């Protein structure tokens, strides 16, 4: 697992951003920090905890996207930090699940057959078509296919073992009606069970940052 500071300028507000599988900082490089320090977690080839060295911050926010939702729950569940707000975007706590996540056969097919050619097909689904993909092509991750495959195979094994069940409660779950990775049906079926979580349904693809200019937009749920 990688922990990378996207922005660190002694701000008083911190965002812990749990990126999706196969991604890197490039995916959010167009989003302006504007008053936030941003610490990104990605490349979940292992899941490890981190020491709480965030005492200098007045407010800490957790934002997780896609498989980052599952990863965030396991990484921060046992860490004593006061979270101002937590937002899950286009993901669930059960990412490999026929009712509440990605169907098992589709997830395993993606993992086992991941290569340069299939990656391009995945990008089309992630952006829900060529137009959005072309508009945000600069945001595509720069990682090699073999590196991404190692990560998804590790995640497949961990998720199917149902290790480290957590009790983490999200404040808001944002679900995209155009999502072709985590279908809106499965996302809704999962989140409607969570009484403590606000469910926000919006017209976005799996890549949720098409209208996002600042991190404040995400904190304020402007999708």
Protein backbone atom coordinates (compact mmCIF):
# COMPACT_ATOMS: atom_id res chain seq x y z
CA UNK A 1 0.00 0.00 0.00
CA UNK A 2 1.21 3.47 -0.86
CA UNK A 3 0.64 6.57 1.24
CA UNK A 4 1.32 9.76 -0.72
CA UNK A 5 0.87 13.39 0.20
CA UNK A 6 -0.78 15.05 -2.79
CA UNK A 7 -0.74 18.37 -0.98
CA UNK A 8 0.99 19.26 2.28
CA UNK A 9 1.17 22.95 3.14
CA UNK A 10 0.44 23.03 6.88
CA UNK A 11 -3.28 23.48 6.36
CA UNK A 12 -5.63 23.05 9.31
CA UNK A 13 -7.92 20.66 7.44
CA UNK A 14 -6.89 17.22 6.20
CA UNK A 15 -8.47 14.88 3.68
CA UNK A 16 -7.59 11.19 3.78
CA UNK A 17 -8.37 10.04 0.24
CA UNK A 18 -8.67 6.31 -0.42
CA UNK A 19 -8.27 5.88 -4.14
CA UNK A 20 -9.74 3.13 -6.28
CA UNK A 21 -8.03 -0.03 -7.42
CA UNK A 22 -5.39 0.45 -10.12
CA UNK A 23 -5.35 4.21 -9.66
CA UNK A 24 -2.75 6.80 -8.76
CA UNK A 25 -2.70 10.51 -7.95
CA UNK A 26 -3.23 11.38 -11.60
CA UNK A 27 -6.91 10.57 -11.29
CA UNK A 28 -7.50 13.62 -9.05
CA UNK A 29 -4.74 15.89 -10.35
CA UNK A 30 -7.31 18.36 -11.72
CA UNK A 31 -8.92 18.96 -8.29
CA UNK A 32 -7.64 22.06 -6.46
CA UNK A 33 -6.78 21.57 -2.73
CA UNK A 34 -7.77 25.12 -1.63
CA UNK A 35 -7.21 24.96 2.13
CA UNK A 36 -6.79 21.20 2.57
CA UNK A 37 -3.80 18.97 2.97
CA UNK A 38 -4.45 15.77 1.00
CA UNK A 39 -3.05 12.37 1.95
CA UNK A 40 -3.79 9.63 -0.59
CA UNK A 41 -3.86 5.86 -0.07
CA UNK A 42 -3.64 3.54 -3.07
CA UNK A 43 -2.05 0.40 -4.54
CA UNK A 44 -3.54 -2.02 -2.03
CA UNK A 45 -1.09 -4.90 -2.53
CA UNK A 46 -1.12 -5.09 1.24
CA UNK A 47 -3.46 -3.59 3.79
CA UNK A 48 -1.67 -2.05 6.74
CA UNK A 49 -2.56 0.39 9.45
CA UNK A 50 -0.87 3.71 9.96
CA UNK A 51 0.20 5.67 13.00
CA UNK A 52 -1.95 8.61 13.96
CA UNK A 53 0.32 11.54 13.17
CA UNK A 54 -2.47 13.95 12.31
CA UNK A 55 -2.84 15.70 15.65
CA UNK A 56 -2.03 19.10 14.18
CA UNK A 57 -5.25 19.16 12.12
CA UNK A 58 -8.44 20.81 13.33
CA UNK A 59 -10.64 18.72 11.03
CA UNK A 60 -10.08 15.39 9.28
CA UNK A 61 -12.24 14.16 6.42
CA UNK A 62 -12.32 10.70 4.86
CA UNK A 63 -13.18 10.34 1.17
CA UNK A 64 -13.13 6.92 -0.50
CA UNK A 65 -13.89 5.92 -4.06
CA UNK A 66 -14.74 2.50 -5.49
CA UNK A 67 -12.62 -0.25 -3.90
CA UNK A 68 -11.15 2.46 -1.71
CA UNK A 69 -14.37 2.19 0.33
CA UNK A 70 -13.53 -1.39 1.34
CA UNK A 71 -9.88 -0.53 1.92
CA UNK A 72 -10.62 2.58 4.00
CA UNK A 73 -12.81 0.63 6.40
CA UNK A 74 -10.00 -1.79 7.16
CA UNK A 75 -7.22 0.78 7.32
CA UNK A 76 -8.85 3.33 9.63
CA UNK A 77 -11.29 1.19 11.61
CA UNK A 78 -8.84 0.67 14.49
CA UNK A 79 -7.13 4.06 14.32
CA UNK A 80 -8.16 6.63 16.90
CA UNK A 81 -8.82 9.76 14.91
CA UNK A 82 -11.78 12.11 15.11
CA UNK A 83 -13.39 12.24 11.69
CA UNK A 84 -15.39 15.34 10.80
CA UNK A 85 -17.11 13.67 7.86
CA UNK A 86 -16.75 10.47 5.84
CA UNK A 87 -17.92 10.05 2.25
CA UNK A 88 -18.08 6.82 0.23
CA UNK A 89 -18.36 7.27 -3.54
CA UNK A 90 -19.43 4.57 -6.01
CA UNK A 91 -18.43 1.64 -3.82
CA UNK A 92 -19.69 -0.57 -1.00
CA UNK A 93 -18.33 -2.54 1.93
CA UNK A 94 -19.00 -5.74 -0.06
CA UNK A 95 -17.26 -5.09 -3.37
CA UNK A 96 -17.49 -8.70 -4.57
CA UNK A 97 -21.13 -9.56 -4.16
CA UNK A 98 -23.95 -10.38 -6.57
CA UNK A 99 -26.43 -8.16 -4.70
CA UNK A 100 -24.33 -5.48 -3.01
CA UNK A 101 -21.21 -5.03 -5.13
CA UNK A 102 -19.66 -6.32 -8.35
CA UNK A 103 -20.88 -9.83 -9.27
CA UNK A 104 -18.25 -12.44 -8.44
CA UNK A 105 -17.86 -13.77 -11.98
CA UNK A 106 -17.35 -10.26 -13.40
CA UNK A 107 -14.86 -9.27 -10.69
CA UNK A 108 -12.82 -12.46 -11.09
CA UNK A 109 -12.96 -12.17 -14.88
CA UNK A 110 -11.55 -8.64 -14.68
CA UNK A 111 -8.80 -9.77 -12.31
CA UNK A 112 -7.76 -12.87 -14.24
CA UNK A 113 -7.88 -11.29 -17.71
CA UNK A 114 -6.42 -7.88 -16.97
CA UNK A 115 -4.05 -6.70 -19.71
CA UNK A 116 -3.43 -3.63 -21.88
CA UNK A 117 -6.28 -4.46 -24.27
CA UNK A 118 -8.88 -5.14 -21.60
CA UNK A 119 -7.76 -2.07 -19.69
CA UNK A 120 -9.03 0.12 -22.52
CA UNK A 121 -12.44 -1.57 -22.34
CA UNK A 122 -12.51 -0.98 -18.59
CA UNK A 123 -11.74 2.73 -19.04
CA UNK A 124 -14.74 3.02 -21.38
CA UNK A 125 -16.97 1.53 -18.70
CA UNK A 126 -15.39 3.61 -15.94
CA UNK A 127 -16.20 6.83 -17.84
CA UNK A 128 -19.46 5.49 -19.33
CA UNK A 129 -18.41 6.12 -22.91
CA UNK A 130 -15.88 7.67 -25.26
CA UNK A 131 -16.93 11.29 -24.81
CA UNK A 132 -16.25 11.43 -21.07
CA UNK A 133 -13.14 9.26 -21.47
CA UNK A 134 -11.72 11.65 -24.07
CA UNK A 135 -12.56 14.68 -21.92
CA UNK A 136 -10.70 13.24 -18.92
CA UNK A 137 -8.00 11.16 -20.62
CA UNK A 138 -5.34 13.21 -18.85
CA UNK A 139 -6.64 11.77 -15.55
CA UNK A 140 -5.95 8.14 -16.44
CA UNK A 141 -3.47 6.42 -14.10
CA UNK A 142 0.10 5.92 -15.29
CA UNK A 143 0.58 2.48 -13.73
CA UNK A 144 1.57 -0.62 -15.71
CA UNK A 145 -1.04 -3.32 -16.32
CA UNK A 146 1.06 -5.97 -14.53
CA UNK A 147 1.23 -3.77 -11.43
CA UNK A 148 -2.52 -3.24 -11.47
CA UNK A 149 -3.13 -6.96 -11.93
CA UNK A 150 -1.02 -7.81 -8.88
CA UNK A 151 -3.15 -5.43 -6.86
CA UNK A 152 -6.53 -6.76 -7.98
CA UNK A 153 -5.48 -10.39 -7.46
CA UNK A 154 -4.42 -9.54 -3.90
CA UNK A 155 -7.70 -7.72 -3.29
CA UNK A 156 -9.75 -10.57 -4.75
CA UNK A 157 -8.18 -13.01 -2.32
CA UNK A 158 -8.64 -10.73 0.71
CA UNK A 159 -12.20 -9.71 -0.08
CA UNK A 160 -13.43 -13.26 -0.74
CA UNK A 161 -11.97 -14.40 2.57
CA UNK A 162 -14.17 -11.79 4.30
CA UNK A 163 -11.26 -10.84 6.53
CA UNK A 164 -11.39 -7.95 8.98
CA UNK A 165 -15.11 -7.28 9.11
CA UNK A 166 -15.49 -3.69 10.32
CA UNK A 167 -18.13 -1.59 12.02
CA UNK A 168 -17.17 1.68 10.32
CA UNK A 169 -20.14 3.96 9.61
CA UNK A 170 -20.09 6.30 6.61
CA UNK A 171 -21.82 9.66 6.89
CA UNK A 172 -22.69 9.86 3.18
CA UNK A 173 -22.75 7.38 0.31
CA UNK A 174 -22.77 8.96 -3.14
CA UNK A 175 -24.01 6.60 -5.87
CA UNK A 176 -23.85 7.26 -9.60
CA UNK A 177 -26.77 6.33 -11.81
CA UNK A 178 -24.39 5.97 -14.79
CA UNK A 179 -21.98 3.70 -12.91
CA UNK A 180 -21.13 0.67 -15.09
CA UNK A 181 -18.76 -0.89 -12.52
CA UNK A 182 -20.79 -0.84 -9.29
CA UNK A 183 -24.34 -0.76 -10.67
CA UNK A 184 -26.71 1.73 -9.12
CA UNK A 185 -29.08 -1.13 -8.27
CA UNK A 186 -26.47 -2.95 -6.17
CA UNK A 187 -25.21 0.22 -4.54
CA UNK A 188 -28.72 1.20 -3.49
CA UNK A 189 -29.47 -2.29 -2.20
CA UNK A 190 -26.42 -2.07 0.04
CA UNK A 191 -26.72 1.49 1.34
CA UNK A 192 -30.46 1.55 2.07
CA UNK A 193 -29.70 -0.88 4.90
CA UNK A 194 -27.36 1.61 6.58
CA UNK A 195 -29.57 3.80 8.73
CA UNK A 196 -26.69 6.04 9.79
CA UNK A 197 -25.59 6.76 6.22
CA UNK A 198 -27.13 9.45 4.05
CA UNK A 199 -27.75 8.10 0.53
CA UNK A 200 -27.21 10.57 -2.31
CA UNK A 201 -28.01 9.38 -5.84
CA UNK A 202 -26.61 11.50 -8.65
CA UNK A 203 -26.11 11.31 -12.41
CA UNK A 204 -22.40 10.44 -12.55
CA UNK A 205 -20.38 7.57 -14.07
CA UNK A 206 -18.09 5.36 -12.01
CA UNK A 207 -15.40 8.03 -12.36
CA UNK A 208 -17.15 10.61 -10.17
CA UNK A 209 -15.00 13.69 -10.56
CA UNK A 210 -16.27 15.05 -13.88
CA UNK A 211 -17.78 18.17 -12.27
CA UNK A 212 -15.30 18.47 -9.41
CA UNK A 213 -13.13 21.57 -9.33
CA UNK A 214 -12.09 21.63 -5.65
CA UNK A 215 -12.02 19.17 -2.75
CA UNK A 216 -14.60 21.41 -1.10
CA UNK A 217 -17.00 20.35 -3.85
CA UNK A 218 -16.71 16.76 -2.64
CA UNK A 219 -16.97 17.64 1.05
CA UNK A 220 -20.11 19.64 0.25
CA UNK A 221 -21.50 16.80 -1.92
CA UNK A 222 -21.64 18.81 -5.14
CA UNK A 223 -21.99 16.09 -7.77
